[in-house]
């Protein structure tokens, strides 16, 4: 999937991924996504929203990227530490 390729190449989509490139403890800064049904948490990744929009709705990549970045901006603006997948 495109998301895996982004991480393998060492590049990130969105602002949150850049937190993990810095040295030191990033846990306090990282936005986590809770998948309640599976009881697991994963770091926020705007590319997952972008990819889901492209695959599930057929929206063009530029529009999907814009939406994903707007979602990320809103989450960071409201200082959300966790979001759920539901």
PDB file of N, CA and C in Angstrom:
ATOM      1  N   UNK A   1       0.847  -1.183   0.000  1.00  0.00           N
ATOM      2  CA  UNK A   1       0.000   0.000   0.000  1.00  0.00           C
ATOM      3  C   UNK A   1       0.889   1.242   0.000  1.00  0.00           C
ATOM      4  N   UNK A   2       0.366   2.338  -0.461  1.00  0.00           N
ATOM      5  CA  UNK A   2       1.149   3.575  -0.559  1.00  0.00           C
ATOM      6  C   UNK A   2       1.668   4.016   0.800  1.00  0.00           C
ATOM      7  N   UNK A   3       0.894   3.793   1.845  1.00  0.00           N
ATOM      8  CA  UNK A   3       1.283   4.185   3.191  1.00  0.00           C
ATOM      9  C   UNK A   3       2.586   3.515   3.605  1.00  0.00           C
ATOM     10  N   UNK A   4       2.705   2.206   3.329  1.00  0.00           N
ATOM     11  CA  UNK A   4       3.914   1.477   3.694  1.00  0.00           C
ATOM     12  C   UNK A   4       5.107   1.987   2.906  1.00  0.00           C
ATOM     13  N   UNK A   5       4.903   2.295   1.655  1.00  0.00           N
ATOM     14  CA  UNK A   5       5.990   2.802   0.816  1.00  0.00           C
ATOM     15  C   UNK A   5       6.496   4.139   1.332  1.00  0.00           C
ATOM     16  N   UNK A   6       5.603   4.966   1.827  1.00  0.00           N
ATOM     17  CA  UNK A   6       6.025   6.259   2.368  1.00  0.00           C
ATOM     18  C   UNK A   6       6.952   6.071   3.555  1.00  0.00           C
ATOM     19  N   UNK A   7       6.618   5.149   4.430  1.00  0.00           N
ATOM     20  CA  UNK A   7       7.445   4.938   5.610  1.00  0.00           C
ATOM     21  C   UNK A   7       8.763   4.263   5.265  1.00  0.00           C
ATOM     22  N   UNK A   8       8.752   3.348   4.316  1.00  0.00           N
ATOM     23  CA  UNK A   8       9.980   2.658   3.928  1.00  0.00           C
ATOM     24  C   UNK A   8      10.978   3.612   3.303  1.00  0.00           C
ATOM     25  N   UNK A   9      10.488   4.586   2.554  1.00  0.00           N
ATOM     26  CA  UNK A   9      11.392   5.517   1.886  1.00  0.00           C
ATOM     27  C   UNK A   9      11.920   6.578   2.843  1.00  0.00           C
ATOM     28  N   UNK A  10      11.369   6.642   4.047  1.00  0.00           N
ATOM     29  CA  UNK A  10      11.838   7.613   5.025  1.00  0.00           C
ATOM     30  C   UNK A  10      11.164   8.964   4.912  1.00  0.00           C
ATOM     31  N   UNK A  11      10.139   9.080   4.075  1.00  0.00           N
ATOM     32  CA  UNK A  11       9.411  10.333   3.969  1.00  0.00           C
ATOM     33  C   UNK A  11       8.056  10.180   4.624  1.00  0.00           C
ATOM     34  N   UNK A  12       7.487  11.291   5.002  1.00  0.00           N
ATOM     35  CA  UNK A  12       6.201  11.272   5.676  1.00  0.00           C
ATOM     36  C   UNK A  12       5.244  12.214   4.984  1.00  0.00           C
ATOM     37  N   UNK A  13       3.971  11.912   5.087  1.00  0.00           N
ATOM     38  CA  UNK A  13       2.915  12.769   4.590  1.00  0.00           C
ATOM     39  C   UNK A  13       2.267  13.414   5.798  1.00  0.00           C
ATOM     40  N   UNK A  14       2.071  14.712   5.791  1.00  0.00           N
ATOM     41  CA  UNK A  14       1.461  15.408   6.916  1.00  0.00           C
ATOM     42  C   UNK A  14       2.502  15.858   7.917  1.00  0.00           C
ATOM     43  N   UNK A  15       2.045  16.539   8.954  1.00  0.00           N
ATOM     44  CA  UNK A  15       2.941  17.142   9.943  1.00  0.00           C
ATOM     45  C   UNK A  15       3.340  16.184  11.052  1.00  0.00           C
ATOM     46  N   UNK A  16       2.454  15.273  11.412  1.00  0.00           N
ATOM     47  CA  UNK A  16       2.671  14.418  12.570  1.00  0.00           C
ATOM     48  C   UNK A  16       3.883  13.516  12.403  1.00  0.00           C
ATOM     49  N   UNK A  17       4.125  13.000  11.221  1.00  0.00           N
ATOM     50  CA  UNK A  17       5.256  12.110  10.993  1.00  0.00           C
ATOM     51  C   UNK A  17       6.583  12.756  11.301  1.00  0.00           C
ATOM     52  N   UNK A  18       6.691  14.059  11.135  1.00  0.00           N
ATOM     53  CA  UNK A  18       7.940  14.763  11.387  1.00  0.00           C
ATOM     54  C   UNK A  18       8.341  14.707  12.858  1.00  0.00           C
ATOM     55  N   UNK A  19       7.375  14.513  13.746  1.00  0.00           N
ATOM     56  CA  UNK A  19       7.688  14.424  15.174  1.00  0.00           C
ATOM     57  C   UNK A  19       8.596  13.240  15.464  1.00  0.00           C
ATOM     58  N   UNK A  20       8.450  12.170  14.696  1.00  0.00           N
ATOM     59  CA  UNK A  20       9.200  10.957  14.959  1.00  0.00           C
ATOM     60  C   UNK A  20      10.619  11.018  14.420  1.00  0.00           C
ATOM     61  N   UNK A  21      10.925  12.015  13.607  1.00  0.00           N
ATOM     62  CA  UNK A  21      12.279  12.171  13.091  1.00  0.00           C
ATOM     63  C   UNK A  21      13.188  12.843  14.116  1.00  0.00           C
ATOM     64  N   UNK A  22      12.591  13.583  15.049  1.00  0.00           N
ATOM     65  CA  UNK A  22      13.374  14.310  16.048  1.00  0.00           C
ATOM     66  C   UNK A  22      13.891  13.345  17.102  1.00  0.00           C
ATOM     67  N   UNK A  23      15.028  13.675  17.663  1.00  0.00           N
ATOM     68  CA  UNK A  23      15.561  12.843  18.741  1.00  0.00           C
ATOM     69  C   UNK A  23      14.852  13.196  20.035  1.00  0.00           C
ATOM     70  N   UNK A  24      14.877  12.278  20.965  1.00  0.00           N
ATOM     71  CA  UNK A  24      14.248  12.515  22.253  1.00  0.00           C
ATOM     72  C   UNK A  24      12.885  11.855  22.306  1.00  0.00           C
ATOM     73  N   UNK A  25      12.151  12.131  23.367  1.00  0.00           N
ATOM     74  CA  UNK A  25      10.856  11.515  23.610  1.00  0.00           C
ATOM     75  C   UNK A  25       9.766  12.259  22.854  1.00  0.00           C
ATOM     76  N   UNK A  26       9.109  11.570  21.950  1.00  0.00           N
ATOM     77  CA  UNK A  26       8.038  12.201  21.184  1.00  0.00           C
ATOM     78  C   UNK A  26       6.664  11.732  21.641  1.00  0.00           C
ATOM     79  N   UNK A  27       6.607  10.868  22.636  1.00  0.00           N
ATOM     80  CA  UNK A  27       5.337  10.294  23.059  1.00  0.00           C
ATOM     81  C   UNK A  27       4.345  11.354  23.500  1.00  0.00           C
ATOM     82  N   UNK A  28       4.802  12.380  24.187  1.00  0.00           N
ATOM     83  CA  UNK A  28       3.904  13.418  24.657  1.00  0.00           C
ATOM     84  C   UNK A  28       3.344  14.251  23.513  1.00  0.00           C
ATOM     85  N   UNK A  29       4.047  14.303  22.401  1.00  0.00           N
ATOM     86  CA  UNK A  29       3.623  15.119  21.279  1.00  0.00           C
ATOM     87  C   UNK A  29       2.801  14.351  20.265  1.00  0.00           C
ATOM     88  N   UNK A  30       2.931  13.056  20.231  1.00  0.00           N
ATOM     89  CA  UNK A  30       2.337  12.252  19.172  1.00  0.00           C
ATOM     90  C   UNK A  30       0.827  12.139  19.328  1.00  0.00           C
ATOM     91  N   UNK A  31       0.133  12.281  18.232  1.00  0.00           N
ATOM     92  CA  UNK A  31      -1.297  12.055  18.187  1.00  0.00           C
ATOM     93  C   UNK A  31      -1.512  10.577  17.929  1.00  0.00           C
ATOM     94  N   UNK A  32      -2.296   9.929  18.767  1.00  0.00           N
ATOM     95  CA  UNK A  32      -2.515   8.496  18.640  1.00  0.00           C
ATOM     96  C   UNK A  32      -3.927   8.228  18.133  1.00  0.00           C
ATOM     97  N   UNK A  33      -4.071   7.158  17.378  1.00  0.00           N
ATOM     98  CA  UNK A  33      -5.365   6.732  16.866  1.00  0.00           C
ATOM     99  C   UNK A  33      -5.730   5.437  17.570  1.00  0.00           C
ATOM    100  N   UNK A  34      -6.876   5.430  18.245  1.00  0.00           N
ATOM    101  CA  UNK A  34      -7.339   4.245  18.961  1.00  0.00           C
ATOM    102  C   UNK A  34      -8.358   3.490  18.117  1.00  0.00           C
ATOM    103  N   UNK A  35      -8.060   2.245  17.811  1.00  0.00           N
ATOM    104  CA  UNK A  35      -9.013   1.359  17.146  1.00  0.00           C
ATOM    105  C   UNK A  35      -9.708   0.586  18.254  1.00  0.00           C
ATOM    106  N   UNK A  36     -10.867   1.073  18.675  1.00  0.00           N
ATOM    107  CA  UNK A  36     -11.531   0.527  19.853  1.00  0.00           C
ATOM    108  C   UNK A  36     -11.903  -0.939  19.697  1.00  0.00           C
ATOM    109  N   UNK A  37     -12.325  -1.349  18.528  1.00  0.00           N
ATOM    110  CA  UNK A  37     -12.732  -2.742  18.339  1.00  0.00           C
ATOM    111  C   UNK A  37     -11.560  -3.691  18.549  1.00  0.00           C
ATOM    112  N   UNK A  38     -10.367  -3.273  18.171  1.00  0.00           N
ATOM    113  CA  UNK A  38      -9.207  -4.137  18.312  1.00  0.00           C
ATOM    114  C   UNK A  38      -8.388  -3.804  19.554  1.00  0.00           C
ATOM    115  N   UNK A  39      -8.780  -2.775  20.289  1.00  0.00           N
ATOM    116  CA  UNK A  39      -8.090  -2.346  21.494  1.00  0.00           C
ATOM    117  C   UNK A  39      -6.605  -2.115  21.259  1.00  0.00           C
ATOM    118  N   UNK A  40      -6.285  -1.348  20.225  1.00  0.00           N
ATOM    119  CA  UNK A  40      -4.894  -1.022  19.945  1.00  0.00           C
ATOM    120  C   UNK A  40      -4.794   0.447  19.558  1.00  0.00           C
ATOM    121  N   UNK A  41      -3.607   1.006  19.750  1.00  0.00           N
ATOM    122  CA  UNK A  41      -3.339   2.388  19.376  1.00  0.00           C
ATOM    123  C   UNK A  41      -2.183   2.416  18.392  1.00  0.00           C
ATOM    124  N   UNK A  42      -2.289   3.300  17.419  1.00  0.00           N
ATOM    125  CA  UNK A  42      -1.213   3.490  16.448  1.00  0.00           C
ATOM    126  C   UNK A  42      -0.985   4.979  16.270  1.00  0.00           C
ATOM    127  N   UNK A  43       0.221   5.377  15.892  1.00  0.00           N
ATOM    128  CA  UNK A  43       0.481   6.799  15.664  1.00  0.00           C
ATOM    129  C   UNK A  43      -0.364   7.330  14.506  1.00  0.00           C
ATOM    130  N   UNK A  44      -0.734   8.593  14.604  1.00  0.00           N
ATOM    131  CA  UNK A  44      -1.494   9.261  13.548  1.00  0.00           C
ATOM    132  C   UNK A  44      -0.695   9.231  12.257  1.00  0.00           C
ATOM    133  N   UNK A  45      -1.384   9.017  11.168  1.00  0.00           N
ATOM    134  CA  UNK A  45      -0.746   9.002   9.858  1.00  0.00           C
ATOM    135  C   UNK A  45      -1.745   9.553   8.849  1.00  0.00           C
ATOM    136  N   UNK A  46      -1.550  10.796   8.435  1.00  0.00           N
ATOM    137  CA  UNK A  46      -2.477  11.448   7.509  1.00  0.00           C
ATOM    138  C   UNK A  46      -2.577  10.706   6.187  1.00  0.00           C
ATOM    139  N   UNK A  47      -1.541   9.977   5.815  1.00  0.00           N
ATOM    140  CA  UNK A  47      -1.589   9.262   4.537  1.00  0.00           C
ATOM    141  C   UNK A  47      -2.640   8.154   4.549  1.00  0.00           C
ATOM    142  N   UNK A  48      -2.985   7.643   5.721  1.00  0.00           N
ATOM    143  CA  UNK A  48      -4.017   6.603   5.786  1.00  0.00           C
ATOM    144  C   UNK A  48      -5.380   7.183   5.426  1.00  0.00           C
ATOM    145  N   UNK A  49      -5.648   8.417   5.873  1.00  0.00           N
ATOM    146  CA  UNK A  49      -6.905   9.087   5.502  1.00  0.00           C
ATOM    147  C   UNK A  49      -6.895   9.370   4.003  1.00  0.00           C
ATOM    148  N   UNK A  50      -5.783   9.894   3.512  1.00  0.00           N
ATOM    149  CA  UNK A  50      -5.654  10.191   2.083  1.00  0.00           C
ATOM    150  C   UNK A  50      -5.905   8.930   1.254  1.00  0.00           C
ATOM    151  N   UNK A  51      -5.227   7.841   1.607  1.00  0.00           N
ATOM    152  CA  UNK A  51      -5.349   6.598   0.847  1.00  0.00           C
ATOM    153  C   UNK A  51      -6.768   6.031   0.911  1.00  0.00           C
ATOM    154  N   UNK A  52      -7.397   6.095   2.084  1.00  0.00           N
ATOM    155  CA  UNK A  52      -8.766   5.589   2.229  1.00  0.00           C
ATOM    156  C   UNK A  52      -9.734   6.395   1.369  1.00  0.00           C
ATOM    157  N   UNK A  53      -9.556   7.707   1.327  1.00  0.00           N
ATOM    158  CA  UNK A  53     -10.427   8.536   0.492  1.00  0.00           C
ATOM    159  C   UNK A  53     -10.277   8.185  -0.984  1.00  0.00           C
ATOM    160  N   UNK A  54      -9.057   7.964  -1.414  1.00  0.00           N
ATOM    161  CA  UNK A  54      -8.811   7.618  -2.820  1.00  0.00           C
ATOM    162  C   UNK A  54      -9.436   6.264  -3.157  1.00  0.00           C
ATOM    163  N   UNK A  55      -9.197   5.268  -2.301  1.00  0.00           N
ATOM    164  CA  UNK A  55      -9.665   3.907  -2.566  1.00  0.00           C
ATOM    165  C   UNK A  55     -11.172   3.772  -2.383  1.00  0.00           C
ATOM    166  N   UNK A  56     -11.694   4.303  -1.275  1.00  0.00           N
ATOM    167  CA  UNK A  56     -13.089   4.052  -0.925  1.00  0.00           C
ATOM    168  C   UNK A  56     -14.074   5.000  -1.590  1.00  0.00           C
ATOM    169  N   UNK A  57     -13.644   6.207  -1.954  1.00  0.00           N
ATOM    170  CA  UNK A  57     -14.583   7.158  -2.553  1.00  0.00           C
ATOM    171  C   UNK A  57     -14.222   7.529  -3.978  1.00  0.00           C
ATOM    172  N   UNK A  58     -13.011   7.187  -4.405  1.00  0.00           N
ATOM    173  CA  UNK A  58     -12.596   7.508  -5.758  1.00  0.00           C
ATOM    174  C   UNK A  58     -12.240   8.966  -5.978  1.00  0.00           C
ATOM    175  N   UNK A  59     -12.061   9.708  -4.885  1.00  0.00           N
ATOM    176  CA  UNK A  59     -11.691  11.120  -5.006  1.00  0.00           C
ATOM    177  C   UNK A  59     -10.271  11.219  -5.568  1.00  0.00           C
ATOM    178  N   UNK A  60      -9.985  12.297  -6.286  1.00  0.00           N
ATOM    179  CA  UNK A  60      -8.652  12.436  -6.868  1.00  0.00           C
ATOM    180  C   UNK A  60      -7.606  12.653  -5.769  1.00  0.00           C
ATOM    181  N   UNK A  61      -6.350  12.242  -6.002  1.00  0.00           N
ATOM    182  CA  UNK A  61      -5.303  12.314  -4.979  1.00  0.00           C
ATOM    183  C   UNK A  61      -5.081  13.711  -4.396  1.00  0.00           C
ATOM    184  N   UNK A  62      -5.141  14.750  -5.207  1.00  0.00           N
ATOM    185  CA  UNK A  62      -4.915  16.107  -4.693  1.00  0.00           C
ATOM    186  C   UNK A  62      -6.009  16.515  -3.713  1.00  0.00           C
ATOM    187  N   UNK A  63      -7.254  16.191  -4.027  1.00  0.00           N
ATOM    188  CA  UNK A  63      -8.363  16.503  -3.123  1.00  0.00           C
ATOM    189  C   UNK A  63      -8.246  15.687  -1.845  1.00  0.00           C
ATOM    190  N   UNK A  64      -7.927  14.405  -1.974  1.00  0.00           N
ATOM    191  CA  UNK A  64      -7.778  13.533  -0.804  1.00  0.00           C
ATOM    192  C   UNK A  64      -6.674  14.044   0.110  1.00  0.00           C
ATOM    193  N   UNK A  65      -5.565  14.483  -0.475  1.00  0.00           N
ATOM    194  CA  UNK A  65      -4.460  15.013   0.320  1.00  0.00           C
ATOM    195  C   UNK A  65      -4.882  16.283   1.057  1.00  0.00           C
ATOM    196  N   UNK A  66      -5.607  17.157   0.379  1.00  0.00           N
ATOM    197  CA  UNK A  66      -6.088  18.386   1.013  1.00  0.00           C
ATOM    198  C   UNK A  66      -7.009  18.103   2.187  1.00  0.00           C
ATOM    199  N   UNK A  67      -7.919  17.148   2.014  1.00  0.00           N
ATOM    200  CA  UNK A  67      -8.839  16.779   3.091  1.00  0.00           C
ATOM    201  C   UNK A  67      -8.071  16.200   4.270  1.00  0.00           C
ATOM    202  N   UNK A  68      -7.136  15.303   4.002  1.00  0.00           N
ATOM    203  CA  UNK A  68      -6.355  14.678   5.077  1.00  0.00           C
ATOM    204  C   UNK A  68      -5.573  15.721   5.866  1.00  0.00           C
ATOM    205  N   UNK A  69      -5.002  16.694   5.178  1.00  0.00           N
ATOM    206  CA  UNK A  69      -4.241  17.739   5.871  1.00  0.00           C
ATOM    207  C   UNK A  69      -5.157  18.654   6.678  1.00  0.00           C
ATOM    208  N   UNK A  70      -6.369  18.917   6.178  1.00  0.00           N
ATOM    209  CA  UNK A  70      -7.327  19.718   6.944  1.00  0.00           C
ATOM    210  C   UNK A  70      -7.751  18.988   8.211  1.00  0.00           C
ATOM    211  N   UNK A  71      -7.983  17.682   8.106  1.00  0.00           N
ATOM    212  CA  UNK A  71      -8.336  16.883   9.286  1.00  0.00           C
ATOM    213  C   UNK A  71      -7.205  16.948  10.305  1.00  0.00           C
ATOM    214  N   UNK A  72      -5.975  16.779   9.843  1.00  0.00           N
ATOM    215  CA  UNK A  72      -4.822  16.831  10.734  1.00  0.00           C
ATOM    216  C   UNK A  72      -4.706  18.197  11.411  1.00  0.00           C
ATOM    217  N   UNK A  73      -4.885  19.271  10.648  1.00  0.00           N
ATOM    218  CA  UNK A  73      -4.824  20.618  11.221  1.00  0.00           C
ATOM    219  C   UNK A  73      -5.867  20.812  12.310  1.00  0.00           C
ATOM    220  N   UNK A  74      -7.089  20.316  12.077  1.00  0.00           N
ATOM    221  CA  UNK A  74      -8.149  20.444  13.077  1.00  0.00           C
ATOM    222  C   UNK A  74      -7.809  19.662  14.346  1.00  0.00           C
ATOM    223  N   UNK A  75      -7.306  18.453  14.190  1.00  0.00           N
ATOM    224  CA  UNK A  75      -6.941  17.650  15.360  1.00  0.00           C
ATOM    225  C   UNK A  75      -5.852  18.331  16.176  1.00  0.00           C
ATOM    226  N   UNK A  76      -4.854  18.869  15.496  1.00  0.00           N
ATOM    227  CA  UNK A  76      -3.763  19.544  16.197  1.00  0.00           C
ATOM    228  C   UNK A  76      -4.228  20.860  16.810  1.00  0.00           C
ATOM    229  N   UNK A  77      -5.116  21.571  16.107  1.00  0.00           N
ATOM    230  CA  UNK A  77      -5.610  22.858  16.617  1.00  0.00           C
ATOM    231  C   UNK A  77      -6.384  22.665  17.917  1.00  0.00           C
ATOM    232  N   UNK A  78      -7.167  21.600  17.988  1.00  0.00           N
ATOM    233  CA  UNK A  78      -7.947  21.334  19.196  1.00  0.00           C
ATOM    234  C   UNK A  78      -7.190  20.482  20.204  1.00  0.00           C
ATOM    235  N   UNK A  79      -5.902  20.280  19.950  1.00  0.00           N
ATOM    236  CA  UNK A  79      -5.008  19.567  20.870  1.00  0.00           C
ATOM    237  C   UNK A  79      -5.557  18.201  21.274  1.00  0.00           C
ATOM    238  N   UNK A  80      -6.058  17.478  20.291  1.00  0.00           N
ATOM    239  CA  UNK A  80      -6.558  16.132  20.537  1.00  0.00           C
ATOM    240  C   UNK A  80      -5.380  15.189  20.680  1.00  0.00           C
ATOM    241  N   UNK A  81      -5.292  14.479  21.776  1.00  0.00           N
ATOM    242  CA  UNK A  81      -4.220  13.524  21.991  1.00  0.00           C
ATOM    243  C   UNK A  81      -4.529  12.158  21.422  1.00  0.00           C
ATOM    244  N   UNK A  82      -5.815  11.831  21.364  1.00  0.00           N
ATOM    245  CA  UNK A  82      -6.254  10.541  20.830  1.00  0.00           C
ATOM    246  C   UNK A  82      -7.516  10.760  20.004  1.00  0.00           C
ATOM    247  N   UNK A  83      -7.655  10.001  18.950  1.00  0.00           N
ATOM    248  CA  UNK A  83      -8.894   9.944  18.175  1.00  0.00           C
ATOM    249  C   UNK A  83      -9.225   8.478  17.967  1.00  0.00           C
ATOM    250  N   UNK A  84     -10.494   8.198  17.734  1.00  0.00           N
ATOM    251  CA  UNK A  84     -10.893   6.809  17.514  1.00  0.00           C
ATOM    252  C   UNK A  84     -11.207   6.585  16.043  1.00  0.00           C
ATOM    253  N   UNK A  85     -11.227   5.328  15.657  1.00  0.00           N
ATOM    254  CA  UNK A  85     -11.541   4.983  14.277  1.00  0.00           C
ATOM    255  C   UNK A  85     -13.036   4.821  14.068  1.00  0.00           C
ATOM    256  N   UNK A  86     -13.829   4.989  15.106  1.00  0.00           N
ATOM    257  CA  UNK A  86     -15.284   4.830  14.963  1.00  0.00           C
ATOM    258  C   UNK A  86     -15.950   6.126  14.601  1.00  0.00           C
TER     259      UNK A  86
END
